[in-house]
Protein backbone atom coordinates (compact mmCIF):
# COMPACT_ATOMS: atom_id res chain seq x y z
CA MET A 1 237.04 -22.59 -145.41
CA GLY A 2 236.36 -25.04 -148.23
CA MET A 3 235.73 -29.05 -148.94
CA PRO A 4 238.49 -31.49 -148.42
CA TYR A 5 239.77 -33.02 -151.78
CA VAL A 6 237.99 -35.93 -152.95
CA ALA A 7 240.32 -37.92 -154.37
CA PHE A 8 237.51 -41.16 -155.50
CA CYS A 9 234.18 -41.57 -155.41
CA GLU A 10 231.62 -44.22 -156.72
CA THR A 11 227.90 -45.04 -156.03
CA CYS A 12 226.73 -48.10 -158.10
CA THR A 13 223.88 -50.34 -157.68
CA TRP A 14 222.87 -54.17 -159.24
CA THR A 15 219.21 -54.88 -158.89
CA GLY A 16 218.42 -58.26 -157.15
CA SER A 17 216.80 -61.71 -157.86
CA GLY A 18 213.37 -62.00 -159.06
CA GLU A 19 211.59 -61.92 -162.29
CA GLY A 20 210.97 -58.36 -163.38
CA ARG A 21 212.39 -56.88 -160.40
CA VAL A 22 212.32 -53.58 -160.02
CA ASN A 23 215.50 -51.86 -158.12
CA GLU A 24 214.19 -50.31 -154.63
CA ASP A 25 217.70 -48.58 -153.73
CA TYR A 26 218.69 -44.98 -154.89
CA ALA A 27 221.54 -43.16 -154.21
CA VAL A 28 223.07 -39.59 -154.67
CA ILE A 29 226.46 -38.41 -154.27
CA ARG A 30 226.83 -34.30 -154.56
CA GLU A 31 230.38 -33.66 -154.22
CA ASP A 32 230.10 -29.83 -154.71
CA ALA A 33 227.50 -29.74 -151.56
CA GLY A 34 229.95 -32.35 -149.17
CA CYS A 35 226.89 -34.86 -148.94
CA ALA A 36 225.72 -38.26 -150.13
CA VAL A 37 222.34 -39.94 -149.87
CA LEU A 38 221.70 -43.64 -149.83
CA VAL A 39 217.62 -44.78 -149.52
CA ASP A 40 217.40 -48.68 -149.52
CA GLY A 41 213.38 -48.99 -150.12
CA ALA A 42 211.24 -51.71 -148.82
CA THR A 43 208.08 -52.95 -150.41
CA GLY A 44 204.78 -53.10 -148.32
CA LEU A 45 204.68 -57.00 -147.43
CA THR A 46 201.01 -57.42 -148.88
CA LYS A 47 202.54 -56.32 -152.36
CA VAL A 48 199.79 -53.60 -153.16
CA ASN A 49 201.27 -50.84 -155.79
CA LEU A 50 199.74 -47.75 -156.35
CA ILE A 51 202.54 -45.79 -158.28
CA ALA A 52 202.33 -47.16 -162.10
CA GLY A 53 205.36 -48.30 -163.68
CA GLU A 54 207.40 -48.73 -160.75
CA SER A 55 207.24 -50.22 -157.42
CA ASP A 56 205.85 -48.11 -154.34
CA ALA A 57 209.15 -48.68 -152.80
CA SER A 58 211.16 -47.79 -155.93
CA TRP A 59 209.52 -44.16 -155.63
CA TYR A 60 209.71 -43.67 -152.01
CA ALA A 61 213.33 -44.18 -152.26
CA ARG A 62 213.94 -41.70 -155.14
CA GLU A 63 211.86 -39.41 -154.10
CA LEU A 64 212.85 -39.31 -150.33
CA CYS A 65 216.51 -39.41 -151.61
CA GLU A 66 216.37 -36.63 -153.92
CA GLN A 67 214.37 -34.06 -152.15
CA THR A 68 216.60 -35.18 -149.03
CA VAL A 69 219.83 -33.99 -151.18
CA GLY A 70 217.55 -31.19 -152.66
CA LEU A 71 217.88 -29.72 -149.02
CA LEU A 72 221.21 -30.63 -148.06
CA GLY A 73 222.64 -28.91 -150.79
CA ALA A 74 221.27 -25.95 -150.87
CA THR A 75 224.02 -24.84 -148.47
CA SER A 76 227.15 -26.89 -147.00
CA GLN A 77 227.84 -27.30 -143.31
CA ASN A 78 230.02 -24.99 -142.64
CA GLU A 79 227.57 -22.51 -144.00
CA GLY A 80 225.35 -23.01 -141.71
CA GLY A 81 223.32 -25.40 -143.51
CA VAL A 82 220.19 -27.01 -142.60
CA PRO A 83 220.56 -30.20 -140.10
CA THR A 84 220.79 -33.43 -141.51
CA ALA A 85 218.04 -34.77 -139.21
CA THR A 86 215.73 -31.31 -140.06
CA ALA A 87 216.39 -32.26 -143.84
CA MET A 88 215.55 -35.78 -143.77
CA GLY A 89 212.59 -35.09 -141.55
CA ASP A 90 211.17 -32.29 -143.99
CA ALA A 91 211.98 -34.25 -146.78
CA ALA A 92 210.09 -37.66 -145.58
CA ARG A 93 206.75 -35.40 -144.71
CA SER A 94 207.26 -33.91 -147.71
CA VAL A 95 207.10 -37.24 -149.55
CA ALA A 96 204.66 -39.01 -147.48
CA ALA A 97 202.34 -36.04 -148.37
CA ASP A 98 202.62 -36.82 -151.73
CA TYR A 99 201.96 -40.31 -151.25
CA LEU A 100 198.67 -39.89 -149.00
CA ARG A 101 197.00 -37.90 -152.00
CA LEU A 102 197.27 -41.00 -154.36
CA PRO A 103 194.16 -42.75 -155.43
CA GLY A 104 193.74 -45.69 -152.60
CA ALA A 105 196.55 -44.60 -150.42
CA ALA A 106 194.09 -43.81 -147.95
CA ASP A 107 192.75 -47.59 -147.40
CA LEU A 108 196.29 -48.97 -146.95
CA THR A 109 196.89 -50.68 -143.94
CA ARG A 110 200.60 -50.64 -142.10
CA GLU A 111 202.01 -53.24 -143.52
CA ASP A 112 200.99 -52.05 -147.12
CA LEU A 113 202.81 -48.92 -147.10
CA PRO A 114 206.60 -48.57 -148.60
CA ASN A 115 209.42 -47.66 -146.18
CA GLY A 116 212.81 -47.90 -146.15
CA SER A 117 216.44 -47.16 -144.68
CA VAL A 118 218.30 -44.26 -144.89
CA ALA A 119 222.13 -43.26 -144.66
CA VAL A 120 223.14 -39.51 -145.10
CA LEU A 121 227.17 -38.79 -145.43
CA ARG A 122 227.87 -35.14 -144.94
CA TRP A 123 231.23 -33.83 -144.83
CA ASP A 124 233.08 -30.51 -144.81
CA SER A 125 236.75 -29.31 -144.00
CA ASP A 126 235.93 -30.11 -140.08
CA GLN A 127 233.47 -32.87 -139.68
CA LEU A 128 232.45 -35.99 -141.01
CA GLU A 129 228.76 -36.45 -140.39
CA VAL A 130 227.14 -39.95 -140.84
CA THR A 131 223.16 -40.04 -140.29
CA MET A 132 221.87 -43.53 -140.39
CA LEU A 133 218.08 -44.70 -140.14
CA GLY A 134 217.30 -48.26 -140.44
CA ASP A 135 219.41 -50.82 -141.27
CA CYS A 136 221.75 -49.68 -144.37
CA THR A 137 225.65 -50.06 -142.98
CA ALA A 138 228.63 -47.08 -143.00
CA ALA A 139 232.08 -47.58 -142.21
CA VAL A 140 234.53 -44.51 -141.98
CA ALA A 141 238.39 -45.51 -142.83
CA MET A 142 240.70 -43.54 -140.42
CA ARG A 143 244.01 -42.13 -140.98
CA ASP A 144 245.62 -44.70 -138.00
CA GLY A 145 244.37 -47.71 -140.16
CA SER A 146 241.02 -48.39 -138.17
CA VAL A 147 237.55 -48.58 -139.50
CA ARG A 148 234.42 -47.55 -137.78
CA VAL A 149 231.85 -49.35 -138.39
CA VAL A 150 228.16 -47.48 -138.06
CA HIS A 151 225.24 -49.74 -137.80
CA ASP A 152 221.96 -50.56 -136.15
CA ALA A 153 221.69 -54.26 -135.83
CA THR A 154 218.01 -53.83 -134.24
CA LEU A 155 216.22 -55.10 -137.42
CA ASP A 156 219.14 -57.51 -138.53
CA ALA A 157 217.96 -59.56 -134.96
CA LEU A 158 214.47 -59.79 -135.79
CA ASP A 159 215.05 -60.96 -139.62
CA GLN A 160 217.74 -63.68 -138.01
CA GLN A 161 214.82 -65.24 -136.11
CA ASN A 162 212.45 -65.01 -139.30
CA TYR A 163 215.07 -66.95 -141.30
CA GLU A 164 215.95 -69.81 -139.00
CA ARG A 165 212.40 -70.22 -138.32
CA MET A 166 212.19 -70.70 -142.47
CA TYR A 167 214.67 -73.34 -142.00
CA ARG A 168 213.30 -75.15 -139.29
CA TYR A 169 209.73 -75.25 -141.42
CA ALA A 170 211.25 -76.45 -144.51
CA VAL A 171 213.19 -79.02 -142.88
CA LYS A 172 209.97 -80.17 -140.81
CA HIS A 173 207.77 -80.21 -143.75
CA GLY A 174 210.10 -80.96 -146.42
CA THR A 175 209.71 -77.53 -148.59
CA THR A 176 212.34 -75.33 -150.44
CA MET A 177 213.06 -72.56 -148.02
CA ALA A 178 211.17 -69.90 -150.97
CA GLN A 179 207.91 -71.91 -149.95
CA ALA A 180 208.64 -71.73 -146.28
CA ARG A 181 208.70 -67.69 -146.56
CA ARG A 182 205.32 -67.90 -148.21
CA ALA A 183 204.54 -70.23 -145.69
CA LEU A 184 205.52 -67.57 -142.69
CA ASN A 185 204.61 -64.57 -144.43
CA ASP A 186 202.24 -64.04 -141.04
CA ARG A 187 205.96 -64.09 -139.23
CA PHE A 188 207.49 -61.27 -141.39
CA ILE A 189 204.18 -58.86 -141.21
CA ALA A 190 204.26 -59.23 -137.45
CA ASN A 191 207.91 -57.84 -137.48
CA ARG A 192 207.06 -55.25 -140.27
CA LEU A 193 204.25 -53.66 -137.67
CA LYS A 194 207.00 -53.33 -135.04
CA MET A 195 209.16 -50.73 -137.11
CA ASN A 196 208.85 -47.19 -135.12
CA GLU A 197 207.17 -48.65 -132.49
CA PRO A 198 208.51 -48.23 -128.99
CA GLY A 199 210.67 -51.87 -128.38
CA GLY A 200 210.95 -52.39 -132.25
CA TYR A 201 213.30 -50.47 -134.67
CA TRP A 202 213.65 -47.68 -136.46
CA ALA A 203 213.38 -46.81 -140.06
CA ALA A 204 211.70 -44.43 -142.58
CA ASP A 205 208.08 -44.56 -143.65
CA ILE A 206 205.10 -42.50 -144.60
CA THR A 207 204.43 -42.32 -140.90
CA CYS A 208 207.32 -40.52 -140.40
CA ARG A 209 207.83 -41.72 -136.68
CA GLY A 210 211.09 -42.95 -137.06
CA PHE A 211 212.54 -39.51 -137.49
CA GLY A 212 214.03 -38.16 -134.71
CA ASN A 213 215.30 -41.72 -133.92
CA GLU A 214 218.26 -41.33 -136.12
CA LEU A 215 222.07 -43.13 -135.06
CA VAL A 216 224.38 -40.02 -135.50
CA GLU A 217 228.60 -40.38 -135.56
CA ARG A 218 230.95 -37.98 -135.95
CA PHE A 219 234.19 -37.56 -136.87
CA SER A 220 236.73 -34.93 -137.34
CA THR A 221 237.62 -34.70 -141.07
CA ARG A 222 241.55 -34.40 -140.01
CA GLU A 223 241.30 -37.95 -138.73
CA VAL A 224 239.67 -39.68 -142.11
CA THR A 225 240.71 -41.23 -145.11
CA GLY A 226 237.44 -42.08 -146.45
CA VAL A 227 233.59 -42.88 -145.68
CA PHE A 228 231.38 -45.68 -147.55
CA ALA A 229 227.60 -46.39 -146.64
CA CYS A 230 225.56 -49.07 -148.44
CA SER A 231 222.25 -51.48 -148.34
CA ASP A 232 221.84 -54.48 -146.72
CA GLY A 233 222.02 -56.05 -150.36
CA PHE A 234 225.78 -55.00 -150.36
CA VAL A 235 226.87 -55.92 -147.00
CA ALA A 236 225.62 -59.68 -148.01
CA ALA A 237 228.89 -60.35 -148.85
CA VAL A 238 229.79 -60.67 -145.08
CA GLU A 239 227.50 -63.09 -144.62
CA MET A 240 227.95 -64.65 -148.26
CA GLY A 241 231.90 -64.95 -147.09
CA VAL A 242 232.98 -62.39 -149.81
CA VAL A 243 235.04 -60.58 -147.39
CA ASP A 244 235.30 -61.35 -143.89
CA ASP A 245 233.40 -58.03 -142.53
CA ALA A 246 232.12 -54.63 -143.41
CA GLY A 247 235.43 -52.75 -142.18
CA GLU A 248 237.22 -55.30 -145.41
CA LEU A 249 234.44 -54.37 -147.52
CA ALA A 250 234.85 -50.97 -147.11
CA LEU A 251 238.18 -50.35 -147.49
CA ARG A 252 238.48 -52.38 -150.62
CA THR A 253 235.53 -50.68 -151.95
CA LEU A 254 237.08 -47.04 -151.31
CA ALA A 255 240.23 -48.69 -152.81
CA GLY A 256 238.10 -48.91 -156.14
CA GLU A 257 237.30 -52.65 -155.83
CA GLY A 258 233.52 -52.63 -155.50
CA GLN A 259 231.86 -53.63 -159.03
CA ARG A 260 234.18 -56.67 -158.46
CA LEU A 261 232.91 -57.37 -155.29
CA ALA A 262 229.29 -57.29 -156.06
CA LYS A 263 230.17 -59.66 -159.21
CA GLU A 264 231.77 -62.15 -156.33
CA LEU A 265 228.76 -61.30 -153.94
CA ARG A 266 226.22 -62.30 -156.95
CA ALA A 267 228.29 -65.57 -158.07
CA ALA A 268 228.30 -66.76 -154.10
CA GLU A 269 224.11 -66.02 -154.19
CA ARG A 270 223.86 -68.06 -157.07
CA ALA A 271 225.68 -70.69 -155.77
CA ASP A 272 223.66 -70.97 -152.51
CA ALA A 273 220.49 -70.25 -154.72
CA GLU A 274 218.42 -72.40 -152.66
CA LEU A 275 219.29 -70.34 -149.24
CA TRP A 276 220.00 -74.03 -147.69
CA ARG A 277 223.96 -72.83 -146.88
CA VAL A 278 223.33 -68.89 -145.63
CA HIS A 279 218.98 -68.79 -144.58
CA ARG A 280 217.96 -65.29 -146.08
CA SER A 281 214.30 -64.53 -148.01
CA LYS A 282 216.10 -64.59 -151.29
CA VAL A 283 218.52 -65.67 -153.31
CA SER A 284 219.88 -61.80 -153.59
CA ASP A 285 218.62 -58.41 -152.90
CA ASP A 286 219.05 -54.68 -154.38
CA ALA A 287 223.07 -54.05 -153.81
CA THR A 288 224.09 -50.68 -153.63
CA TYR A 289 226.74 -48.65 -152.44
CA VAL A 290 228.72 -44.91 -152.09
CA ALA A 291 232.04 -44.40 -151.29
CA ILE A 292 233.92 -41.36 -150.70
CA ALA A 293 237.73 -40.94 -150.22
CA PHE A 294 239.36 -37.89 -149.07
CA GLY A 295 242.87 -36.91 -150.61
CA GLU A 296 245.34 -35.18 -149.23
């Protein structure tokens, strides 16, 4: 049994705001193997960096993505390939071992370490599988016109609490939101320490404790017209008012409008550069998507 016909596939990425910023998202589509992987990397909150020439998070995102794709692409699902969760976990442990061999890695604390969110899309003639770890967003366009969004909102809620703290601090002390973010860094560290802990949230990191807690949904390929996944920097188009919801974002990206939407997103973010209208920690984040539309 072969792969479904892919009428359109695209992956695009844009670097977020900040002088000399390195893009910490990474994504690959392997149409021949029926898989796509997106990793949204996150820098340690103390800004420790061991990888020369790039951030630790950009290295982590790229290595985790490439190694996961390599394991998934060895054989497709309908050839009895390695299970997605197994590939993710094996890749993560390999990347972690490489990182921990770096000089100085043994001295780092948990908040120093790079981490990330992962979206894995995998399809064959029978099934589309969506596997998520962290706060990336995926959406599946169905033949009946509906859109099924797959997203773990646990970290969103924690972040939003801190964004509102930033706003209250800025108003009370007459500071900018950027100054409030720096003043409240301990709050952000407290949230980071909830990663891969009971009652916290699950994500990919050097400890690999989050693997095994993936959010997984499966669909009949015959009922699907396309699938989309993105980092939180691209789904920000919803809160910035560029689109109404993640379903619209997915459908329009699958229709070839992704780059246009990214330009509109960046314009909306620049228009709110002081972070007063939409409370967030930075003007713009790295924004990345993968989109695969299936034909008849």
